N, C-alpha and C. Protein backbone atom coordinates (compact mmCIF):
# COMPACT_ATOMS: atom_id res chain seq x y z
N MET A 1 8.67 -48.52 -24.34
CA MET A 1 7.29 -48.10 -24.39
C MET A 1 6.77 -47.93 -22.96
N SER A 2 6.03 -46.90 -22.73
CA SER A 2 5.54 -46.58 -21.39
C SER A 2 4.23 -47.28 -21.09
N ASN A 3 4.09 -47.70 -19.83
CA ASN A 3 2.84 -48.31 -19.39
C ASN A 3 1.89 -47.31 -18.76
N TRP A 4 2.29 -46.05 -18.73
CA TRP A 4 1.47 -44.99 -18.12
C TRP A 4 0.26 -44.73 -18.99
N THR A 5 -0.84 -44.50 -18.34
CA THR A 5 -2.06 -44.11 -19.06
C THR A 5 -2.37 -42.67 -18.74
N ALA A 6 -3.31 -42.11 -19.46
CA ALA A 6 -3.72 -40.73 -19.18
C ALA A 6 -4.28 -40.62 -17.77
N ASP A 7 -5.00 -41.65 -17.31
CA ASP A 7 -5.54 -41.62 -15.95
C ASP A 7 -4.44 -41.62 -14.90
N GLN A 8 -3.38 -42.36 -15.14
CA GLN A 8 -2.26 -42.37 -14.20
C GLN A 8 -1.55 -41.02 -14.20
N ASP A 9 -1.41 -40.42 -15.36
CA ASP A 9 -0.79 -39.09 -15.44
C ASP A 9 -1.63 -38.08 -14.69
N LEU A 10 -2.94 -38.14 -14.83
CA LEU A 10 -3.83 -37.23 -14.13
C LEU A 10 -3.75 -37.45 -12.62
N ALA A 11 -3.70 -38.70 -12.21
CA ALA A 11 -3.58 -38.99 -10.78
C ALA A 11 -2.27 -38.46 -10.22
N THR A 12 -1.19 -38.62 -10.97
CA THR A 12 0.11 -38.11 -10.55
C THR A 12 0.07 -36.59 -10.43
N LEU A 13 -0.54 -35.93 -11.39
CA LEU A 13 -0.66 -34.48 -11.34
C LEU A 13 -1.48 -34.04 -10.13
N ARG A 14 -2.53 -34.75 -9.81
CA ARG A 14 -3.35 -34.39 -8.65
C ARG A 14 -2.58 -34.54 -7.35
N VAL A 15 -1.81 -35.60 -7.23
CA VAL A 15 -1.01 -35.82 -6.03
C VAL A 15 0.06 -34.73 -5.92
N THR A 16 0.69 -34.42 -7.04
CA THR A 16 1.71 -33.36 -7.04
C THR A 16 1.10 -32.02 -6.67
N ALA A 17 -0.07 -31.71 -7.24
CA ALA A 17 -0.74 -30.45 -6.93
C ALA A 17 -1.11 -30.38 -5.44
N ALA A 18 -1.61 -31.46 -4.89
CA ALA A 18 -1.98 -31.48 -3.48
C ALA A 18 -0.74 -31.29 -2.60
N SER A 19 0.34 -31.92 -2.99
CA SER A 19 1.59 -31.78 -2.23
C SER A 19 2.10 -30.34 -2.28
N LEU A 20 2.04 -29.73 -3.44
CA LEU A 20 2.49 -28.35 -3.57
C LEU A 20 1.59 -27.40 -2.78
N ARG A 21 0.28 -27.62 -2.82
CA ARG A 21 -0.63 -26.78 -2.02
C ARG A 21 -0.29 -26.89 -0.53
N GLN A 22 -0.02 -28.11 -0.08
CA GLN A 22 0.33 -28.31 1.33
C GLN A 22 1.62 -27.57 1.68
N ARG A 23 2.62 -27.69 0.82
CA ARG A 23 3.90 -27.02 1.07
C ARG A 23 3.74 -25.51 1.06
N MET A 24 2.92 -24.98 0.13
CA MET A 24 2.69 -23.54 0.08
C MET A 24 1.91 -23.09 1.31
N GLY A 25 0.97 -23.89 1.76
CA GLY A 25 0.24 -23.56 2.98
C GLY A 25 1.15 -23.55 4.19
N ASP A 26 2.03 -24.54 4.27
CA ASP A 26 2.99 -24.59 5.37
C ASP A 26 3.92 -23.38 5.36
N ALA A 27 4.37 -22.99 4.16
CA ALA A 27 5.25 -21.82 4.04
C ALA A 27 4.51 -20.55 4.47
N ALA A 28 3.27 -20.39 4.03
CA ALA A 28 2.49 -19.22 4.41
C ALA A 28 2.28 -19.16 5.92
N ALA A 29 2.00 -20.31 6.53
CA ALA A 29 1.82 -20.35 7.99
C ALA A 29 3.11 -19.97 8.70
N SER A 30 4.23 -20.44 8.19
CA SER A 30 5.53 -20.11 8.78
C SER A 30 5.83 -18.61 8.65
N ILE A 31 5.51 -18.05 7.50
CA ILE A 31 5.71 -16.61 7.30
C ILE A 31 4.84 -15.83 8.27
N ALA A 32 3.60 -16.26 8.44
CA ALA A 32 2.69 -15.57 9.37
C ALA A 32 3.25 -15.59 10.79
N GLU A 33 3.76 -16.73 11.20
CA GLU A 33 4.35 -16.85 12.54
C GLU A 33 5.55 -15.91 12.69
N THR A 34 6.39 -15.85 11.68
CA THR A 34 7.56 -14.98 11.71
C THR A 34 7.14 -13.51 11.77
N GLU A 35 6.15 -13.13 10.97
CA GLU A 35 5.68 -11.75 10.96
C GLU A 35 5.09 -11.35 12.31
N GLU A 36 4.40 -12.27 12.98
CA GLU A 36 3.88 -11.98 14.32
C GLU A 36 5.03 -11.76 15.29
N TRP A 37 6.08 -12.56 15.17
CA TRP A 37 7.26 -12.39 16.02
C TRP A 37 7.90 -11.03 15.75
N VAL A 38 8.01 -10.65 14.49
CA VAL A 38 8.57 -9.34 14.13
C VAL A 38 7.71 -8.23 14.74
N ALA A 39 6.40 -8.35 14.61
CA ALA A 39 5.50 -7.33 15.16
C ALA A 39 5.65 -7.21 16.67
N ASP A 40 5.74 -8.35 17.37
CA ASP A 40 5.94 -8.32 18.81
C ASP A 40 7.25 -7.61 19.17
N THR A 41 8.29 -7.91 18.42
CA THR A 41 9.59 -7.27 18.66
C THR A 41 9.51 -5.76 18.43
N LEU A 42 8.85 -5.36 17.37
CA LEU A 42 8.71 -3.93 17.09
C LEU A 42 7.89 -3.23 18.18
N GLU A 43 6.88 -3.89 18.69
CA GLU A 43 6.09 -3.31 19.79
C GLU A 43 6.95 -3.12 21.04
N ARG A 44 7.78 -4.11 21.35
CA ARG A 44 8.68 -3.98 22.51
C ARG A 44 9.66 -2.83 22.30
N LEU A 45 10.18 -2.73 21.10
CA LEU A 45 11.09 -1.62 20.80
C LEU A 45 10.38 -0.28 20.93
N ALA A 46 9.14 -0.21 20.52
CA ALA A 46 8.37 1.04 20.61
C ALA A 46 8.23 1.48 22.07
N ARG A 47 8.04 0.52 22.97
CA ARG A 47 7.94 0.86 24.40
C ARG A 47 9.28 1.34 24.95
N ALA A 48 10.37 0.80 24.42
CA ALA A 48 11.70 1.16 24.92
C ALA A 48 12.25 2.42 24.26
N ARG A 49 11.69 2.81 23.11
CA ARG A 49 12.22 3.96 22.36
C ARG A 49 11.07 4.91 22.03
N PRO A 50 10.65 5.71 23.00
CA PRO A 50 9.50 6.59 22.79
C PRO A 50 9.65 7.52 21.59
N HIS A 51 10.87 7.96 21.31
CA HIS A 51 11.09 8.86 20.19
C HIS A 51 10.84 8.20 18.84
N ASP A 52 10.89 6.88 18.77
CA ASP A 52 10.63 6.13 17.54
C ASP A 52 9.32 5.35 17.60
N ALA A 53 8.55 5.54 18.66
CA ALA A 53 7.39 4.69 18.92
C ALA A 53 6.38 4.69 17.77
N ALA A 54 6.05 5.85 17.24
CA ALA A 54 5.04 5.91 16.17
C ALA A 54 5.48 5.11 14.95
N ARG A 55 6.73 5.31 14.54
CA ARG A 55 7.25 4.59 13.37
C ARG A 55 7.29 3.09 13.62
N LEU A 56 7.75 2.69 14.80
CA LEU A 56 7.84 1.27 15.12
C LEU A 56 6.46 0.62 15.21
N ARG A 57 5.52 1.32 15.80
CA ARG A 57 4.15 0.77 15.90
C ARG A 57 3.50 0.66 14.53
N SER A 58 3.80 1.61 13.67
CA SER A 58 3.28 1.54 12.30
C SER A 58 3.83 0.31 11.58
N ARG A 59 5.10 0.07 11.75
CA ARG A 59 5.71 -1.12 11.12
C ARG A 59 5.18 -2.40 11.75
N ALA A 60 4.93 -2.38 13.05
CA ALA A 60 4.36 -3.55 13.71
C ALA A 60 2.96 -3.84 13.15
N ALA A 61 2.17 -2.78 12.95
CA ALA A 61 0.83 -2.96 12.39
C ALA A 61 0.90 -3.55 10.98
N HIS A 62 1.86 -3.07 10.21
CA HIS A 62 2.05 -3.60 8.85
C HIS A 62 2.42 -5.09 8.92
N ALA A 63 3.30 -5.44 9.82
CA ALA A 63 3.69 -6.85 9.97
C ALA A 63 2.50 -7.71 10.38
N ARG A 64 1.65 -7.21 11.26
CA ARG A 64 0.46 -7.96 11.67
C ARG A 64 -0.53 -8.11 10.51
N ASP A 65 -0.68 -7.07 9.71
CA ASP A 65 -1.55 -7.17 8.53
C ASP A 65 -1.03 -8.23 7.57
N PHE A 66 0.28 -8.21 7.35
CA PHE A 66 0.88 -9.19 6.46
C PHE A 66 0.72 -10.60 7.03
N ALA A 67 0.87 -10.74 8.33
CA ALA A 67 0.68 -12.05 8.97
C ALA A 67 -0.74 -12.54 8.76
N ALA A 68 -1.71 -11.65 8.86
CA ALA A 68 -3.11 -12.04 8.65
C ALA A 68 -3.33 -12.51 7.21
N GLN A 69 -2.72 -11.80 6.26
CA GLN A 69 -2.83 -12.23 4.86
C GLN A 69 -2.23 -13.62 4.67
N GLN A 70 -1.10 -13.85 5.29
CA GLN A 70 -0.44 -15.15 5.15
C GLN A 70 -1.24 -16.27 5.83
N ARG A 71 -1.86 -15.97 6.96
CA ARG A 71 -2.72 -16.98 7.61
C ARG A 71 -3.89 -17.33 6.70
N ALA A 72 -4.46 -16.32 6.04
CA ALA A 72 -5.57 -16.58 5.11
C ALA A 72 -5.09 -17.45 3.95
N ARG A 73 -3.90 -17.16 3.45
CA ARG A 73 -3.35 -17.99 2.37
C ARG A 73 -3.11 -19.42 2.85
N ALA A 74 -2.58 -19.55 4.05
CA ALA A 74 -2.33 -20.89 4.59
C ALA A 74 -3.63 -21.67 4.69
N THR A 75 -4.68 -21.01 5.13
CA THR A 75 -5.98 -21.66 5.25
C THR A 75 -6.49 -22.07 3.87
N ALA A 76 -6.39 -21.16 2.91
CA ALA A 76 -6.87 -21.46 1.56
C ALA A 76 -6.08 -22.60 0.93
N TYR A 77 -4.78 -22.57 1.06
CA TYR A 77 -3.97 -23.65 0.50
C TYR A 77 -4.23 -24.96 1.22
N GLY A 78 -4.39 -24.90 2.51
CA GLY A 78 -4.66 -26.12 3.26
C GLY A 78 -5.97 -26.76 2.87
N ALA A 79 -6.93 -25.91 2.52
CA ALA A 79 -8.23 -26.40 2.10
C ALA A 79 -8.23 -26.79 0.63
N GLY A 80 -7.18 -26.37 -0.08
CA GLY A 80 -7.09 -26.69 -1.49
C GLY A 80 -8.04 -25.91 -2.36
N CYS A 81 -8.46 -24.74 -1.85
CA CYS A 81 -9.40 -23.92 -2.62
C CYS A 81 -9.11 -22.47 -2.35
N GLY A 82 -9.81 -21.61 -3.07
CA GLY A 82 -9.69 -20.19 -2.83
C GLY A 82 -8.89 -19.50 -3.91
N ASP A 83 -9.24 -18.25 -4.15
CA ASP A 83 -8.54 -17.42 -5.13
C ASP A 83 -7.55 -16.56 -4.38
N LEU A 84 -6.27 -16.87 -4.52
CA LEU A 84 -5.24 -16.20 -3.74
C LEU A 84 -4.64 -15.01 -4.47
N ARG A 85 -5.12 -14.73 -5.67
CA ARG A 85 -4.54 -13.62 -6.43
C ARG A 85 -4.92 -12.27 -5.85
N SER A 86 -5.98 -12.21 -5.05
CA SER A 86 -6.42 -10.92 -4.51
C SER A 86 -5.61 -10.50 -3.31
N GLY A 87 -4.83 -11.42 -2.68
CA GLY A 87 -4.10 -11.12 -1.47
C GLY A 87 -2.90 -10.32 -1.72
């Protein structure tokens, strides 16, 4: 027979949810950092390859936009609030 109560189950769920939000926020922050690195690399390549510059800069801009979305997600998850379905 279990000694767990409904209150203990709810508390466990809250701790688990908070832990998952933190992990998801950490992952989003890491993705944002990686995307910024990718964008920087693409910008350097654009300077070195003028014939591909427009395409590379476009991809760099896309990477920076994605990084911004991920930073917003990291902030929302870290705060434990926010509707992330719109991102």
